[in-house]
Amino acid sequence: MTPSAPRTRAAAALRMKQIALDNQGRTIRRLRTQLATERRGLATMRKELEDTQVALEASHKVIAGLTEIGLSMSKKIEKMKVKKQLAKENHVECHQKFQARIHEAEDSMHAQHLIIEDILALYSIHLSIRINCLAFKISYSRPFTVIYCHS
C-alpha cells in the first residue's frame, strides 16, 4: 500500500461525514419550514376557533334575549286575557299567533344551537387530527444517521 492510502481513506471519510452533515442540515431546514407552516395553520385555526366561540357566545345572548322576549310576550298575553274577556275570540287568535312565533323562534334557536355544537365538535376533531398528523410527521421524518466507528 502506498502511504497516501490512509490519507485518501481519511479524506473519503471526511467527505462522507460532510455529505451526512449537509443532508442533515437540509433536513433540518425542511423540517423547520414545515413546522413554521404548521404553526401558521394552527394560528389560523386558533383564530377561527376564537371567531366561532365569539359567534357561539353571541348566539347564546340572542337565545337569552329571545327567551326573555318570549316570556315577556307570554306575560302580556296573560294580562290581555284578564283585561279583555269581552274580546275573547280576537284574543285567542292573537294568542295563537304569538305562540306560533315563539315556538318558531325557539325551534330556530334550538336548530342554530345544534348546528353550532356540531361545528364545534367537527372543528375539535379536525384540530385533533391536524395535531396528530403534525406529531406523526415530526416523529417519523427524522433522517437516518450514519455512525462511523474508528478502529
N, C-alpha and C. Protein backbone atom coordinates (compact mmCIF):
# COMPACT_ATOMS: atom_id res chain seq x y z
N MET A 1 0.83 -1.18 0.00
CA MET A 1 0.00 0.00 0.00
C MET A 1 0.86 1.24 0.00
N THR A 2 0.36 2.24 -0.61
CA THR A 2 1.11 3.49 -0.65
C THR A 2 0.80 4.30 0.59
N PRO A 3 1.72 5.20 0.96
CA PRO A 3 1.47 6.00 2.16
C PRO A 3 0.27 6.93 2.01
N SER A 4 -0.17 7.19 0.77
CA SER A 4 -1.31 8.11 0.60
C SER A 4 -2.65 7.43 0.81
N ALA A 5 -2.68 6.11 0.89
CA ALA A 5 -3.94 5.39 1.07
C ALA A 5 -4.65 5.76 2.35
N PRO A 6 -3.97 5.83 3.51
CA PRO A 6 -4.70 6.25 4.72
C PRO A 6 -5.26 7.66 4.61
N ARG A 7 -4.48 8.54 3.94
CA ARG A 7 -4.99 9.91 3.78
C ARG A 7 -6.20 9.93 2.86
N THR A 8 -6.18 9.11 1.83
CA THR A 8 -7.32 9.05 0.92
C THR A 8 -8.54 8.51 1.64
N ARG A 9 -8.34 7.47 2.48
CA ARG A 9 -9.45 6.94 3.26
C ARG A 9 -9.97 7.98 4.24
N ALA A 10 -9.06 8.68 4.87
CA ALA A 10 -9.47 9.71 5.82
C ALA A 10 -10.22 10.83 5.10
N ALA A 11 -9.74 11.21 3.92
CA ALA A 11 -10.42 12.25 3.15
C ALA A 11 -11.80 11.77 2.72
N ALA A 12 -11.90 10.51 2.31
CA ALA A 12 -13.20 9.96 1.92
C ALA A 12 -14.15 9.93 3.10
N ALA A 13 -13.60 9.54 4.26
CA ALA A 13 -14.44 9.52 5.47
C ALA A 13 -14.92 10.93 5.81
N LEU A 14 -14.01 11.90 5.68
CA LEU A 14 -14.41 13.30 5.94
C LEU A 14 -15.47 13.76 4.94
N ARG A 15 -15.30 13.39 3.67
CA ARG A 15 -16.30 13.76 2.66
C ARG A 15 -17.65 13.13 2.99
N MET A 16 -17.63 11.86 3.42
CA MET A 16 -18.88 11.19 3.78
C MET A 16 -19.55 11.88 4.97
N LYS A 17 -18.73 12.26 5.95
CA LYS A 17 -19.28 12.97 7.11
C LYS A 17 -19.85 14.31 6.69
N GLN A 18 -19.14 15.01 5.78
CA GLN A 18 -19.63 16.31 5.31
C GLN A 18 -20.95 16.14 4.55
N ILE A 19 -21.04 15.11 3.74
CA ILE A 19 -22.28 14.84 3.00
C ILE A 19 -23.42 14.55 3.97
N ALA A 20 -23.12 13.74 5.00
CA ALA A 20 -24.15 13.43 6.00
C ALA A 20 -24.59 14.70 6.73
N LEU A 21 -23.63 15.55 7.09
CA LEU A 21 -23.97 16.81 7.76
C LEU A 21 -24.80 17.72 6.85
N ASP A 22 -24.40 17.79 5.57
CA ASP A 22 -25.18 18.60 4.61
C ASP A 22 -26.60 18.08 4.49
N ASN A 23 -26.75 16.75 4.41
CA ASN A 23 -28.09 16.16 4.33
C ASN A 23 -28.90 16.47 5.57
N GLN A 24 -28.26 16.34 6.73
CA GLN A 24 -28.97 16.65 7.97
C GLN A 24 -29.36 18.12 8.03
N GLY A 25 -28.46 18.98 7.56
CA GLY A 25 -28.77 20.42 7.54
C GLY A 25 -29.97 20.71 6.65
N ARG A 26 -30.01 20.09 5.47
CA ARG A 26 -31.16 20.29 4.58
C ARG A 26 -32.44 19.76 5.21
N THR A 27 -32.32 18.60 5.85
CA THR A 27 -33.49 18.02 6.52
C THR A 27 -33.98 18.94 7.63
N ILE A 28 -33.07 19.47 8.41
CA ILE A 28 -33.46 20.38 9.49
C ILE A 28 -34.14 21.62 8.93
N ARG A 29 -33.58 22.20 7.86
CA ARG A 29 -34.22 23.38 7.25
C ARG A 29 -35.61 23.05 6.73
N ARG A 30 -35.74 21.87 6.09
CA ARG A 30 -37.04 21.47 5.58
C ARG A 30 -38.04 21.28 6.72
N LEU A 31 -37.60 20.63 7.79
CA LEU A 31 -38.49 20.41 8.94
C LEU A 31 -38.86 21.73 9.61
N ARG A 32 -37.92 22.65 9.68
CA ARG A 32 -38.24 23.97 10.26
C ARG A 32 -39.28 24.69 9.41
N THR A 33 -39.12 24.57 8.09
CA THR A 33 -40.11 25.19 7.19
C THR A 33 -41.48 24.55 7.39
N GLN A 34 -41.51 23.22 7.49
CA GLN A 34 -42.79 22.53 7.73
C GLN A 34 -43.39 22.95 9.06
N LEU A 35 -42.55 23.05 10.08
CA LEU A 35 -43.04 23.46 11.40
C LEU A 35 -43.62 24.87 11.36
N ALA A 36 -42.93 25.77 10.66
CA ALA A 36 -43.44 27.14 10.55
C ALA A 36 -44.78 27.15 9.82
N THR A 37 -44.89 26.34 8.77
CA THR A 37 -46.15 26.26 8.02
C THR A 37 -47.26 25.73 8.92
N GLU A 38 -46.97 24.67 9.66
CA GLU A 38 -47.98 24.11 10.57
C GLU A 38 -48.36 25.11 11.66
N ARG A 39 -47.39 25.84 12.16
CA ARG A 39 -47.70 26.84 13.19
C ARG A 39 -48.64 27.91 12.63
N ARG A 40 -48.36 28.34 11.39
CA ARG A 40 -49.25 29.33 10.77
C ARG A 40 -50.65 28.75 10.60
N GLY A 41 -50.72 27.47 10.18
CA GLY A 41 -52.02 26.82 10.04
C GLY A 41 -52.75 26.72 11.37
N LEU A 42 -52.01 26.37 12.41
CA LEU A 42 -52.62 26.27 13.73
C LEU A 42 -53.06 27.64 14.24
N ALA A 43 -52.28 28.67 13.93
CA ALA A 43 -52.68 30.02 14.34
C ALA A 43 -53.98 30.42 13.63
N THR A 44 -54.08 30.05 12.36
CA THR A 44 -55.31 30.33 11.62
C THR A 44 -56.49 29.58 12.23
N MET A 45 -56.25 28.29 12.55
CA MET A 45 -57.32 27.51 13.18
C MET A 45 -57.71 28.08 14.54
N ARG A 46 -56.71 28.53 15.29
CA ARG A 46 -56.98 29.11 16.60
C ARG A 46 -57.86 30.35 16.44
N LYS A 47 -57.54 31.18 15.43
CA LYS A 47 -58.34 32.38 15.18
C LYS A 47 -59.76 31.99 14.78
N GLU A 48 -59.88 30.97 13.92
CA GLU A 48 -61.21 30.51 13.53
C GLU A 48 -62.00 29.99 14.73
N LEU A 49 -61.31 29.28 15.62
CA LEU A 49 -61.97 28.78 16.83
C LEU A 49 -62.44 29.94 17.70
N GLU A 50 -61.58 30.96 17.84
CA GLU A 50 -61.98 32.12 18.63
C GLU A 50 -63.20 32.80 18.00
N ASP A 51 -63.18 32.93 16.67
CA ASP A 51 -64.32 33.54 15.98
C ASP A 51 -65.58 32.71 16.19
N THR A 52 -65.43 31.39 16.13
CA THR A 52 -66.58 30.51 16.35
C THR A 52 -67.10 30.64 17.77
N GLN A 53 -66.17 30.75 18.72
CA GLN A 53 -66.59 30.90 20.11
C GLN A 53 -67.31 32.23 20.32
N VAL A 54 -66.81 33.29 19.67
CA VAL A 54 -67.49 34.59 19.77
C VAL A 54 -68.89 34.48 19.18
N ALA A 55 -69.00 33.80 18.04
CA ALA A 55 -70.31 33.62 17.42
C ALA A 55 -71.23 32.80 18.32
N LEU A 56 -70.68 31.78 18.97
CA LEU A 56 -71.48 30.97 19.89
C LEU A 56 -71.97 31.80 21.07
N GLU A 57 -71.08 32.62 21.63
CA GLU A 57 -71.49 33.48 22.74
C GLU A 57 -72.57 34.46 22.30
N ALA A 58 -72.41 35.03 21.11
CA ALA A 58 -73.43 35.94 20.59
C ALA A 58 -74.75 35.20 20.40
N SER A 59 -74.67 33.96 19.92
CA SER A 59 -75.88 33.16 19.74
C SER A 59 -76.56 32.90 21.08
N HIS A 60 -75.76 32.61 22.11
CA HIS A 60 -76.34 32.39 23.44
C HIS A 60 -77.03 33.66 23.94
N LYS A 61 -76.43 34.81 23.67
CA LYS A 61 -77.04 36.08 24.10
C LYS A 61 -78.36 36.30 23.36
N VAL A 62 -78.35 35.99 22.06
CA VAL A 62 -79.58 36.13 21.27
C VAL A 62 -80.65 35.19 21.81
N ILE A 63 -80.24 33.96 22.10
CA ILE A 63 -81.20 32.98 22.64
C ILE A 63 -81.77 33.48 23.96
N ALA A 64 -80.90 34.00 24.83
CA ALA A 64 -81.38 34.51 26.12
C ALA A 64 -82.31 35.70 25.91
N GLY A 65 -81.95 36.59 24.98
CA GLY A 65 -82.80 37.74 24.70
C GLY A 65 -84.15 37.34 24.14
N LEU A 66 -84.13 36.38 23.21
CA LEU A 66 -85.39 35.93 22.63
C LEU A 66 -86.25 35.19 23.65
N THR A 67 -85.60 34.46 24.54
CA THR A 67 -86.35 33.79 25.60
C THR A 67 -87.00 34.82 26.51
N GLU A 68 -86.24 35.85 26.84
CA GLU A 68 -86.79 36.92 27.68
C GLU A 68 -87.95 37.61 26.97
N ILE A 69 -87.78 37.85 25.69
CA ILE A 69 -88.87 38.45 24.90
C ILE A 69 -90.08 37.52 24.90
N GLY A 70 -89.81 36.22 24.72
CA GLY A 70 -90.90 35.25 24.72
C GLY A 70 -91.63 35.22 26.05
N LEU A 71 -90.88 35.26 27.14
CA LEU A 71 -91.52 35.29 28.46
C LEU A 71 -92.31 36.58 28.65
N SER A 72 -91.74 37.67 28.19
CA SER A 72 -92.44 38.95 28.30
C SER A 72 -93.74 38.92 27.50
N MET A 73 -93.66 38.35 26.31
CA MET A 73 -94.87 38.26 25.48
C MET A 73 -95.93 37.39 26.17
N SER A 74 -95.49 36.29 26.75
CA SER A 74 -96.44 35.41 27.43
C SER A 74 -97.13 36.14 28.58
N LYS A 75 -96.37 36.93 29.34
CA LYS A 75 -96.96 37.69 30.45
C LYS A 75 -97.98 38.70 29.93
N LYS A 76 -97.61 39.38 28.84
CA LYS A 76 -98.54 40.36 28.26
C LYS A 76 -99.81 39.67 27.77
N ILE A 77 -99.64 38.50 27.18
CA ILE A 77 -100.80 37.76 26.69
C ILE A 77 -101.72 37.39 27.84
N GLU A 78 -101.12 36.96 28.96
CA GLU A 78 -101.93 36.61 30.13
C GLU A 78 -102.67 37.83 30.67
N LYS A 79 -102.00 38.98 30.70
CA LYS A 79 -102.66 40.21 31.17
C LYS A 79 -103.80 40.59 30.23
N MET A 80 -103.57 40.39 28.93
CA MET A 80 -104.62 40.71 27.96
C MET A 80 -105.83 39.80 28.16
N LYS A 81 -105.60 38.53 28.52
CA LYS A 81 -106.71 37.62 28.77
C LYS A 81 -107.60 38.14 29.89
N VAL A 82 -106.96 38.59 30.99
CA VAL A 82 -107.71 39.08 32.15
C VAL A 82 -108.46 40.36 31.78
N LYS A 83 -107.81 41.29 31.10
CA LYS A 83 -108.40 42.60 30.81
C LYS A 83 -109.39 42.56 29.67
N LYS A 84 -109.24 41.63 28.75
CA LYS A 84 -110.06 41.67 27.53
C LYS A 84 -110.96 40.45 27.42
N GLN A 85 -111.70 40.15 28.44
CA GLN A 85 -112.59 39.00 28.39
C GLN A 85 -113.68 39.17 27.35
N LEU A 86 -114.10 40.41 27.08
CA LEU A 86 -115.16 40.66 26.11
C LEU A 86 -114.72 40.34 24.69
N ALA A 87 -113.41 40.48 24.43
CA ALA A 87 -112.90 40.23 23.08
C ALA A 87 -112.14 38.90 23.03
N LYS A 88 -112.72 37.88 23.63
CA LYS A 88 -112.05 36.59 23.78
C LYS A 88 -111.68 35.95 22.43
N GLU A 89 -112.55 36.02 21.47
CA GLU A 89 -112.26 35.39 20.18
C GLU A 89 -111.03 36.05 19.54
N ASN A 90 -111.02 37.36 19.56
CA ASN A 90 -109.89 38.09 18.98
C ASN A 90 -108.61 37.76 19.76
N HIS A 91 -108.76 37.68 21.06
CA HIS A 91 -107.60 37.38 21.89
C HIS A 91 -107.06 35.99 21.61
N VAL A 92 -107.92 35.00 21.45
CA VAL A 92 -107.47 33.62 21.19
C VAL A 92 -106.68 33.57 19.89
N GLU A 93 -107.19 34.25 18.87
CA GLU A 93 -106.49 34.28 17.59
C GLU A 93 -105.11 34.93 17.74
N CYS A 94 -105.08 36.05 18.44
CA CYS A 94 -103.82 36.76 18.68
C CYS A 94 -102.86 35.89 19.49
N HIS A 95 -103.38 35.25 20.51
CA HIS A 95 -102.56 34.38 21.37
C HIS A 95 -101.94 33.24 20.56
N GLN A 96 -102.72 32.62 19.68
CA GLN A 96 -102.21 31.53 18.86
C GLN A 96 -101.08 32.01 17.95
N LYS A 97 -101.25 33.21 17.39
CA LYS A 97 -100.20 33.75 16.51
C LYS A 97 -98.91 33.99 17.29
N PHE A 98 -99.06 34.58 18.47
CA PHE A 98 -97.85 34.82 19.28
C PHE A 98 -97.18 33.51 19.68
N GLN A 99 -97.97 32.53 20.07
CA GLN A 99 -97.40 31.24 20.46
C GLN A 99 -96.67 30.59 19.28
N ALA A 100 -97.26 30.68 18.10
CA ALA A 100 -96.62 30.11 16.92
C ALA A 100 -95.27 30.80 16.66
N ARG A 101 -95.25 32.12 16.80
CA ARG A 101 -93.99 32.85 16.61
C ARG A 101 -92.95 32.46 17.65
N ILE A 102 -93.41 32.31 18.88
CA ILE A 102 -92.48 31.94 19.96
C ILE A 102 -91.91 30.55 19.69
N HIS A 103 -92.76 29.60 19.33
CA HIS A 103 -92.28 28.25 19.04
C HIS A 103 -91.35 28.24 17.83
N GLU A 104 -91.70 29.02 16.83
CA GLU A 104 -90.85 29.10 15.65
C GLU A 104 -89.48 29.67 16.02
N ALA A 105 -89.47 30.72 16.84
CA ALA A 105 -88.20 31.30 17.28
C ALA A 105 -87.41 30.32 18.13
N GLU A 106 -88.11 29.60 19.03
CA GLU A 106 -87.42 28.61 19.87
C GLU A 106 -86.87 27.47 19.02
N ASP A 107 -87.65 27.01 18.06
CA ASP A 107 -87.18 25.94 17.17
C ASP A 107 -85.96 26.41 16.38
N SER A 108 -86.04 27.64 15.88
CA SER A 108 -84.92 28.20 15.12
C SER A 108 -83.68 28.33 16.00
N MET A 109 -83.88 28.82 17.22
CA MET A 109 -82.74 28.96 18.15
C MET A 109 -82.16 27.59 18.48
N HIS A 110 -83.02 26.63 18.70
CA HIS A 110 -82.54 25.29 19.04
C HIS A 110 -81.75 24.70 17.87
N ALA A 111 -82.27 24.87 16.66
CA ALA A 111 -81.57 24.36 15.47
C ALA A 111 -80.21 25.05 15.32
N GLN A 112 -80.18 26.36 15.51
CA GLN A 112 -78.90 27.08 15.41
C GLN A 112 -77.93 26.59 16.47
N HIS A 113 -78.42 26.38 17.66
CA HIS A 113 -77.56 25.90 18.75
C HIS A 113 -76.98 24.52 18.40
N LEU A 114 -77.81 23.63 17.86
CA LEU A 114 -77.32 22.30 17.48
C LEU A 114 -76.29 22.39 16.36
N ILE A 115 -76.53 23.27 15.40
CA ILE A 115 -75.58 23.45 14.30
C ILE A 115 -74.25 23.95 14.84
N ILE A 116 -74.29 24.91 15.72
CA ILE A 116 -73.05 25.46 16.29
C ILE A 116 -72.32 24.38 17.09
N GLU A 117 -73.05 23.58 17.84
CA GLU A 117 -72.40 22.50 18.59
C GLU A 117 -71.76 21.49 17.64
N ASP A 118 -72.44 21.18 16.53
CA ASP A 118 -71.87 20.25 15.55
C ASP A 118 -70.61 20.84 14.92
N ILE A 119 -70.65 22.13 14.61
CA ILE A 119 -69.48 22.79 14.02
C ILE A 119 -68.32 22.74 14.99
N LEU A 120 -68.58 23.03 16.26
CA LEU A 120 -67.51 22.99 17.26
C LEU A 120 -66.95 21.58 17.42
N ALA A 121 -67.84 20.58 17.40
CA ALA A 121 -67.37 19.20 17.53
C ALA A 121 -66.50 18.82 16.33
N LEU A 122 -66.96 19.17 15.12
CA LEU A 122 -66.17 18.88 13.92
C LEU A 122 -64.84 19.62 13.95
N TYR A 123 -64.87 20.85 14.39
CA TYR A 123 -63.63 21.63 14.45
C TYR A 123 -62.67 21.01 15.46
N SER A 124 -63.20 20.55 16.57
CA SER A 124 -62.36 19.91 17.58
C SER A 124 -61.73 18.65 17.01
N ILE A 125 -62.51 17.86 16.29
CA ILE A 125 -61.99 16.64 15.67
C ILE A 125 -60.93 17.00 14.64
N HIS A 126 -61.22 18.02 13.83
CA HIS A 126 -60.28 18.46 12.80
C HIS A 126 -58.97 18.91 13.44
N LEU A 127 -59.07 19.66 14.51
CA LEU A 127 -57.88 20.15 15.20
C LEU A 127 -57.09 18.98 15.77
N SER A 128 -57.78 18.00 16.36
CA SER A 128 -57.09 16.82 16.90
C SER A 128 -56.37 16.07 15.79
N ILE A 129 -57.02 15.92 14.66
CA ILE A 129 -56.41 15.22 13.53
C ILE A 129 -55.17 15.97 13.05
N ARG A 130 -55.27 17.30 12.94
CA ARG A 130 -54.13 18.10 12.49
C ARG A 130 -52.98 17.98 13.46
N ILE A 131 -53.27 18.02 14.75
CA ILE A 131 -52.21 17.92 15.76
C ILE A 131 -51.58 16.54 15.70
N ASN A 132 -52.41 15.49 15.57
CA ASN A 132 -51.86 14.13 15.47
C ASN A 132 -51.03 13.96 14.21
N CYS A 133 -51.49 14.54 13.10
CA CYS A 133 -50.72 14.47 11.86
C CYS A 133 -49.38 15.17 12.03
N LEU A 134 -49.38 16.31 12.66
CA LEU A 134 -48.14 17.05 12.88
C LEU A 134 -47.20 16.22 13.75
N ALA A 135 -47.71 15.62 14.81
CA ALA A 135 -46.88 14.80 15.68
C ALA A 135 -46.34 13.59 14.92
N PHE A 136 -47.16 12.99 14.08
CA PHE A 136 -46.73 11.84 13.29
C PHE A 136 -45.63 12.25 12.31
N LYS A 137 -45.82 13.38 11.63
CA LYS A 137 -44.82 13.85 10.67
C LYS A 137 -43.49 14.11 11.35
N ILE A 138 -43.53 14.74 12.50
CA ILE A 138 -42.28 15.08 13.18
C ILE A 138 -41.59 13.82 13.68
N SER A 139 -42.34 12.87 14.25
CA SER A 139 -41.70 11.70 14.84
C SER A 139 -41.19 10.72 13.78
N TYR A 140 -41.74 10.70 12.60
CA TYR A 140 -41.31 9.75 11.58
C TYR A 140 -40.54 10.38 10.44
N SER A 141 -40.19 11.62 10.53
CA SER A 141 -39.47 12.25 9.44
C SER A 141 -38.01 12.51 9.79
N ARG A 142 -37.51 11.97 10.90
CA ARG A 142 -36.10 12.14 11.27
C ARG A 142 -35.25 11.29 10.32
N PRO A 143 -34.17 11.86 9.82
CA PRO A 143 -33.33 11.08 8.88
C PRO A 143 -32.50 10.04 9.63
N PHE A 144 -32.12 9.00 8.89
CA PHE A 144 -31.23 8.00 9.47
C PHE A 144 -29.83 8.59 9.55
N THR A 145 -29.14 8.35 10.60
CA THR A 145 -27.78 8.87 10.74
C THR A 145 -26.79 7.72 10.60
N VAL A 146 -25.67 8.04 10.03
CA VAL A 146 -24.61 7.04 9.83
C VAL A 146 -23.62 7.22 10.96
N ILE A 147 -23.29 6.14 11.63
CA ILE A 147 -22.34 6.19 12.74
C ILE A 147 -21.04 5.55 12.26
N TYR A 148 -19.98 6.30 12.38
CA TYR A 148 -18.66 5.81 11.97
C TYR A 148 -17.93 5.30 13.20
N CYS A 149 -17.35 4.13 13.08
CA CYS A 149 -16.57 3.56 14.18
C CYS A 149 -15.10 3.67 13.82
N HIS A 150 -14.32 4.18 14.71
CA HIS A 150 -12.87 4.27 14.50
C HIS A 150 -12.22 3.05 15.13
N SER A 151 -11.39 2.37 14.36
CA SER A 151 -10.74 1.20 14.93
C SER A 151 -9.29 1.49 15.25
